[in-house]
Amino acid sequence: MSSPMPRIAPLDQPYPPEVQAQFDRIMRGAPPLMLFRVMAGHRRAWDKFRAGGLLDPGPLSLRQREIVIDRTCALNRCEYEWGVHVAVFAGAAKLGEDEIRATVAGDANSACWSPAEQALVAAVDALHIHATFTDAEFAALSAHYDEAQILEIMLLCGFYRTVSYLANGLKLPLEEKAARFPR
């Protein structure tokens, strides 16, 4: 359950010019997310956070990237970040209702996933539960993804676990236009 205000106060407008420019670049005209406003109030944390961001075009497709992010956030019970990603990226990633629901309430065997996506979800689950892969899990992942993609999958899982810790630990209120976990 989210509270009306996070545990650490967010920056308020007017933002310092450098921070406003960063928000403009990240948000492309939309108001900055509460998470960004909290982090930006603490320069070192904000700089480290931005340096770890993985929203640039990488070796995974948008769909693959969003499956990893949504599943990671769902496993960490981070409705805040899951909801932001579903609202902003699910359409462009061509994730339908069944797939969105499966990131929260399904698993790698959910009927909506292709074989490559099943390997992806299984990898996210393995990293979440054990922080590693068995040889069989790594082989299953390697059957569908190359080395650069596997590294990206692991980086995304780690980064969005950190984002989940931040959003959950700060008790960020859910963004108004973000999706909500399926009930």
C-alpha atoms as a PDB file:
ATOM      1  CA  MET A   1       0.000   0.000   0.000  1.00  0.00           C
ATOM      2  CA  SER A   2       1.411   3.375  -0.907  1.00  0.00           C
ATOM      3  CA  SER A   3       1.337   6.425   1.339  1.00  0.00           C
ATOM      4  CA  PRO A   4       0.586   9.993   0.216  1.00  0.00           C
ATOM      5  CA  MET A   5       4.218  11.080   0.652  1.00  0.00           C
ATOM      6  CA  PRO A   6       7.425   9.065   0.382  1.00  0.00           C
ATOM      7  CA  ARG A   7       9.699   8.572   3.375  1.00  0.00           C
ATOM      8  CA  ILE A   8      12.243  10.996   1.878  1.00  0.00           C
ATOM      9  CA  ALA A   9      10.819  14.260   0.572  1.00  0.00           C
ATOM     10  CA  PRO A  10      10.959  14.804  -3.194  1.00  0.00           C
ATOM     11  CA  LEU A  11      12.421  17.877  -4.828  1.00  0.00           C
ATOM     12  CA  ASP A  12       9.827  20.550  -5.545  1.00  0.00           C
ATOM     13  CA  GLN A  13       9.702  23.070  -8.375  1.00  0.00           C
ATOM     14  CA  PRO A  14      11.464  25.117  -9.405  1.00  0.00           C
ATOM     15  CA  TYR A  15      14.114  22.488  -9.997  1.00  0.00           C
ATOM     16  CA  PRO A  16      17.754  23.518 -10.358  1.00  0.00           C
ATOM     17  CA  PRO A  17      18.423  24.142 -14.097  1.00  0.00           C
ATOM     18  CA  GLU A  18      20.719  21.108 -14.436  1.00  0.00           C
ATOM     19  CA  VAL A  19      18.122  18.831 -12.801  1.00  0.00           C
ATOM     20  CA  GLN A  20      15.311  20.319 -14.925  1.00  0.00           C
ATOM     21  CA  ALA A  21      17.365  19.580 -18.059  1.00  0.00           C
ATOM     22  CA  GLN A  22      17.872  15.986 -16.889  1.00  0.00           C
ATOM     23  CA  PHE A  23      14.158  15.578 -16.152  1.00  0.00           C
ATOM     24  CA  ASP A  24      13.317  17.016 -19.588  1.00  0.00           C
ATOM     25  CA  ARG A  25      15.685  14.569 -21.282  1.00  0.00           C
ATOM     26  CA  ILE A  26      14.422  11.545 -19.327  1.00  0.00           C
ATOM     27  CA  MET A  27      10.710  12.375 -19.247  1.00  0.00           C
ATOM     28  CA  ARG A  28      10.356  13.897 -22.734  1.00  0.00           C
ATOM     29  CA  GLY A  29       7.937  16.593 -21.590  1.00  0.00           C
ATOM     30  CA  ALA A  30       6.010  14.606 -18.968  1.00  0.00           C
ATOM     31  CA  PRO A  31       6.262  15.614 -15.311  1.00  0.00           C
ATOM     32  CA  PRO A  32       9.116  13.840 -13.505  1.00  0.00           C
ATOM     33  CA  LEU A  33       8.276  10.653 -11.642  1.00  0.00           C
ATOM     34  CA  MET A  34       8.247  10.783  -7.851  1.00  0.00           C
ATOM     35  CA  LEU A  35      11.193   8.362  -7.785  1.00  0.00           C
ATOM     36  CA  PHE A  36      13.260  10.763  -9.895  1.00  0.00           C
ATOM     37  CA  ARG A  37      12.269  13.738  -7.738  1.00  0.00           C
ATOM     38  CA  VAL A  38      13.354  11.936  -4.560  1.00  0.00           C
ATOM     39  CA  MET A  39      16.640  10.737  -6.047  1.00  0.00           C
ATOM     40  CA  ALA A  40      17.458  14.115  -7.631  1.00  0.00           C
ATOM     41  CA  GLY A  41      17.397  15.731  -4.195  1.00  0.00           C
ATOM     42  CA  HIS A  42      20.581  13.824  -3.373  1.00  0.00           C
ATOM     43  CA  ARG A  43      23.197  14.484  -6.039  1.00  0.00           C
ATOM     44  CA  ARG A  44      25.475  11.474  -5.484  1.00  0.00           C
ATOM     45  CA  ALA A  45      22.551   9.021  -5.373  1.00  0.00           C
ATOM     46  CA  TRP A  46      20.954  10.691  -8.423  1.00  0.00           C
ATOM     47  CA  ASP A  47      24.180  10.560 -10.435  1.00  0.00           C
ATOM     48  CA  LYS A  48      24.741   6.892  -9.560  1.00  0.00           C
ATOM     49  CA  PHE A  49      21.123   6.057 -10.311  1.00  0.00           C
ATOM     50  CA  ARG A  50      21.207   7.731 -13.718  1.00  0.00           C
ATOM     51  CA  ALA A  51      24.531   6.075 -14.558  1.00  0.00           C
ATOM     52  CA  GLY A  52      22.972   2.656 -13.970  1.00  0.00           C
ATOM     53  CA  GLY A  53      19.945   3.270 -16.183  1.00  0.00           C
ATOM     54  CA  LEU A  54      19.335   0.785 -18.953  1.00  0.00           C
ATOM     55  CA  LEU A  55      16.550   2.421 -20.948  1.00  0.00           C
ATOM     56  CA  ASP A  56      18.777   3.011 -23.955  1.00  0.00           C
ATOM     57  CA  PRO A  57      18.419   0.723 -26.964  1.00  0.00           C
ATOM     58  CA  GLY A  58      20.408  -2.353 -26.014  1.00  0.00           C
ATOM     59  CA  PRO A  59      20.783  -5.877 -27.372  1.00  0.00           C
ATOM     60  CA  LEU A  60      17.254  -6.923 -26.344  1.00  0.00           C
ATOM     61  CA  SER A  61      14.070  -5.981 -28.146  1.00  0.00           C
ATOM     62  CA  LEU A  62      11.719  -3.605 -26.351  1.00  0.00           C
ATOM     63  CA  ARG A  63       9.382  -6.534 -25.692  1.00  0.00           C
ATOM     64  CA  GLN A  64      12.134  -8.694 -24.194  1.00  0.00           C
ATOM     65  CA  ARG A  65      13.407  -5.808 -22.068  1.00  0.00           C
ATOM     66  CA  GLU A  66       9.936  -5.030 -20.737  1.00  0.00           C
ATOM     67  CA  ILE A  67       9.229  -8.682 -19.896  1.00  0.00           C
ATOM     68  CA  VAL A  68      12.433  -8.716 -17.820  1.00  0.00           C
ATOM     69  CA  ILE A  69      11.655  -5.401 -16.108  1.00  0.00           C
ATOM     70  CA  ASP A  70       7.980  -6.140 -15.457  1.00  0.00           C
ATOM     71  CA  ARG A  71       8.691  -9.617 -14.117  1.00  0.00           C
ATOM     72  CA  THR A  72      11.534  -8.382 -11.907  1.00  0.00           C
ATOM     73  CA  CYS A  73       9.374  -5.623 -10.444  1.00  0.00           C
ATOM     74  CA  ALA A  74       6.439  -7.996  -9.945  1.00  0.00           C
ATOM     75  CA  LEU A  75       8.610 -10.550  -8.137  1.00  0.00           C
ATOM     76  CA  ASN A  76       9.787  -7.753  -5.849  1.00  0.00           C
ATOM     77  CA  ARG A  77       6.172  -6.647  -5.276  1.00  0.00           C
ATOM     78  CA  CYS A  78       7.026  -3.224  -6.674  1.00  0.00           C
ATOM     79  CA  GLU A  79       3.716  -2.041  -8.051  1.00  0.00           C
ATOM     80  CA  TYR A  80       5.131   1.491  -8.413  1.00  0.00           C
ATOM     81  CA  GLU A  81       7.771   0.676 -11.059  1.00  0.00           C
ATOM     82  CA  TRP A  82       5.829  -2.209 -12.617  1.00  0.00           C
ATOM     83  CA  GLY A  83       2.885   0.164 -13.104  1.00  0.00           C
ATOM     84  CA  VAL A  84       5.014   2.894 -14.672  1.00  0.00           C
ATOM     85  CA  HIS A  85       6.559   0.457 -17.143  1.00  0.00           C
ATOM     86  CA  VAL A  86       3.264  -1.190 -18.059  1.00  0.00           C
ATOM     87  CA  ALA A  87       1.600   2.193 -18.598  1.00  0.00           C
ATOM     88  CA  VAL A  88       4.449   3.650 -20.642  1.00  0.00           C
ATOM     89  CA  PHE A  89       5.907   0.689 -22.552  1.00  0.00           C
ATOM     90  CA  ALA A  90       3.448  -2.252 -22.707  1.00  0.00           C
ATOM     91  CA  GLY A  91       1.684  -0.975 -25.821  1.00  0.00           C
ATOM     92  CA  ALA A  92       4.862  -0.329 -27.783  1.00  0.00           C
ATOM     93  CA  ALA A  93       6.266  -3.671 -26.559  1.00  0.00           C
ATOM     94  CA  LYS A  94       3.100  -5.400 -27.787  1.00  0.00           C
ATOM     95  CA  LEU A  95       2.375  -6.940 -24.401  1.00  0.00           C
ATOM     96  CA  GLY A  96      -1.268  -7.960 -24.191  1.00  0.00           C
ATOM     97  CA  GLU A  97      -3.452  -8.326 -21.104  1.00  0.00           C
ATOM     98  CA  ASP A  98      -2.581 -12.009 -20.629  1.00  0.00           C
ATOM     99  CA  GLU A  99       1.144 -11.296 -20.836  1.00  0.00           C
ATOM    100  CA  ILE A 100       0.919  -8.304 -18.510  1.00  0.00           C
ATOM    101  CA  ARG A 101      -1.038 -10.414 -16.005  1.00  0.00           C
ATOM    102  CA  ALA A 102       1.480 -13.264 -16.356  1.00  0.00           C
ATOM    103  CA  THR A 103       4.344 -10.982 -15.311  1.00  0.00           C
ATOM    104  CA  VAL A 104       2.609 -10.747 -11.933  1.00  0.00           C
ATOM    105  CA  ALA A 105       0.536 -13.908 -11.512  1.00  0.00           C
ATOM    106  CA  GLY A 106       2.078 -16.346 -14.001  1.00  0.00           C
ATOM    107  CA  ASP A 107       5.369 -18.086 -14.460  1.00  0.00           C
ATOM    108  CA  ALA A 108       7.645 -19.339 -17.233  1.00  0.00           C
ATOM    109  CA  ASN A 109       5.082 -21.992 -18.165  1.00  0.00           C
ATOM    110  CA  SER A 110       2.247 -19.515 -18.763  1.00  0.00           C
ATOM    111  CA  ALA A 111       0.645 -20.254 -22.126  1.00  0.00           C
ATOM    112  CA  CYS A 112       1.090 -16.673 -23.374  1.00  0.00           C
ATOM    113  CA  TRP A 113       4.905 -16.940 -23.651  1.00  0.00           C
ATOM    114  CA  SER A 114       6.838 -18.135 -26.686  1.00  0.00           C
ATOM    115  CA  PRO A 115       9.632 -20.664 -25.986  1.00  0.00           C
ATOM    116  CA  ALA A 116      12.227 -17.863 -25.998  1.00  0.00           C
ATOM    117  CA  GLU A 117      10.083 -15.806 -23.619  1.00  0.00           C
ATOM    118  CA  GLN A 118       9.626 -18.832 -21.359  1.00  0.00           C
ATOM    119  CA  ALA A 119      13.426 -19.060 -21.089  1.00  0.00           C
ATOM    120  CA  LEU A 120      13.538 -15.322 -20.357  1.00  0.00           C
ATOM    121  CA  VAL A 121      10.949 -15.496 -17.562  1.00  0.00           C
ATOM    122  CA  ALA A 122      12.623 -18.602 -16.114  1.00  0.00           C
ATOM    123  CA  ALA A 123      15.949 -16.732 -16.079  1.00  0.00           C
ATOM    124  CA  VAL A 124      14.419 -13.742 -14.272  1.00  0.00           C
ATOM    125  CA  ASP A 125      12.852 -16.095 -11.728  1.00  0.00           C
ATOM    126  CA  ALA A 126      16.146 -17.959 -11.194  1.00  0.00           C
ATOM    127  CA  LEU A 127      18.065 -14.746 -10.631  1.00  0.00           C
ATOM    128  CA  HIS A 128      15.408 -13.482  -8.238  1.00  0.00           C
ATOM    129  CA  ILE A 129      15.299 -16.678  -6.179  1.00  0.00           C
ATOM    130  CA  HIS A 130      18.922 -17.868  -6.301  1.00  0.00           C
ATOM    131  CA  ALA A 131      20.957 -14.923  -7.696  1.00  0.00           C
ATOM    132  CA  THR A 132      22.425 -17.362 -10.231  1.00  0.00           C
ATOM    133  CA  PHE A 133      21.555 -19.933 -12.894  1.00  0.00           C
ATOM    134  CA  THR A 134      21.954 -23.670 -12.803  1.00  0.00           C
ATOM    135  CA  ASP A 135      23.850 -25.058 -15.786  1.00  0.00           C
ATOM    136  CA  ALA A 136      20.524 -26.234 -17.232  1.00  0.00           C
ATOM    137  CA  GLU A 137      18.922 -22.780 -16.800  1.00  0.00           C
ATOM    138  CA  PHE A 138      21.894 -21.085 -18.444  1.00  0.00           C
ATOM    139  CA  ALA A 139      21.801 -23.576 -21.325  1.00  0.00           C
ATOM    140  CA  ALA A 140      18.059 -22.943 -21.819  1.00  0.00           C
ATOM    141  CA  LEU A 141      18.668 -19.194 -21.875  1.00  0.00           C
ATOM    142  CA  SER A 142      21.666 -19.582 -24.217  1.00  0.00           C
ATOM    143  CA  ALA A 143      19.512 -21.493 -26.685  1.00  0.00           C
ATOM    144  CA  HIS A 144      17.618 -18.253 -27.394  1.00  0.00           C
ATOM    145  CA  TYR A 145      19.910 -15.371 -26.391  1.00  0.00           C
ATOM    146  CA  ASP A 146      23.530 -14.476 -27.158  1.00  0.00           C
ATOM    147  CA  GLU A 147      26.139 -13.400 -24.622  1.00  0.00           C
ATOM    148  CA  ALA A 148      25.428  -9.668 -24.913  1.00  0.00           C
ATOM    149  CA  GLN A 149      21.714 -10.314 -24.419  1.00  0.00           C
ATOM    150  CA  ILE A 150      22.325 -12.545 -21.394  1.00  0.00           C
ATOM    151  CA  LEU A 151      24.499  -9.882 -19.783  1.00  0.00           C
ATOM    152  CA  GLU A 152      21.766  -7.311 -20.459  1.00  0.00           C
ATOM    153  CA  ILE A 153      19.156  -9.600 -18.872  1.00  0.00           C
ATOM    154  CA  MET A 154      21.265  -9.911 -15.721  1.00  0.00           C
ATOM    155  CA  LEU A 155      21.948  -6.157 -15.615  1.00  0.00           C
ATOM    156  CA  LEU A 156      18.258  -5.352 -16.025  1.00  0.00           C
ATOM    157  CA  CYS A 157      17.300  -7.776 -13.247  1.00  0.00           C
ATOM    158  CA  GLY A 158      19.851  -6.259 -10.893  1.00  0.00           C
ATOM    159  CA  PHE A 159      19.030  -2.657 -11.726  1.00  0.00           C
ATOM    160  CA  TYR A 160      15.271  -3.123 -11.418  1.00  0.00           C
ATOM    161  CA  ARG A 161      15.678  -5.046  -8.172  1.00  0.00           C
ATOM    162  CA  THR A 162      17.483  -1.923  -6.921  1.00  0.00           C
ATOM    163  CA  VAL A 163      14.698   0.286  -8.297  1.00  0.00           C
ATOM    164  CA  SER A 164      12.191  -1.962  -6.505  1.00  0.00           C
ATOM    165  CA  TYR A 165      14.112  -1.580  -3.242  1.00  0.00           C
ATOM    166  CA  LEU A 166      14.057   2.194  -3.683  1.00  0.00           C
ATOM    167  CA  ALA A 167      10.370   2.474  -4.563  1.00  0.00           C
ATOM    168  CA  ASN A 168       9.258   0.012  -1.892  1.00  0.00           C
ATOM    169  CA  GLY A 169      11.634   1.227   0.822  1.00  0.00           C
ATOM    170  CA  LEU A 170      10.707   4.864   0.214  1.00  0.00           C
ATOM    171  CA  LYS A 171       6.990   3.955   0.160  1.00  0.00           C
ATOM    172  CA  LEU A 172       6.527   5.937  -3.035  1.00  0.00           C
ATOM    173  CA  PRO A 173       2.890   6.723  -3.778  1.00  0.00           C
ATOM    174  CA  LEU A 174       1.738   5.106  -7.003  1.00  0.00           C
ATOM    175  CA  GLU A 175       1.923   7.392 -10.026  1.00  0.00           C
ATOM    176  CA  GLU A 176      -1.514   8.604 -11.076  1.00  0.00           C
ATOM    177  CA  LYS A 177      -1.374   7.284 -14.647  1.00  0.00           C
ATOM    178  CA  ALA A 178       0.498   4.059 -13.865  1.00  0.00           C
ATOM    179  CA  ALA A 179      -1.061   0.615 -14.188  1.00  0.00           C
ATOM    180  CA  ARG A 180      -2.065  -1.343 -11.099  1.00  0.00           C
ATOM    181  CA  PHE A 181      -1.297  -4.981 -10.342  1.00  0.00           C
ATOM    182  CA  PRO A 182      -4.068  -7.265 -11.581  1.00  0.00           C
ATOM    183  CA  ARG A 183      -6.357  -8.329  -8.758  1.00  0.00           C
END
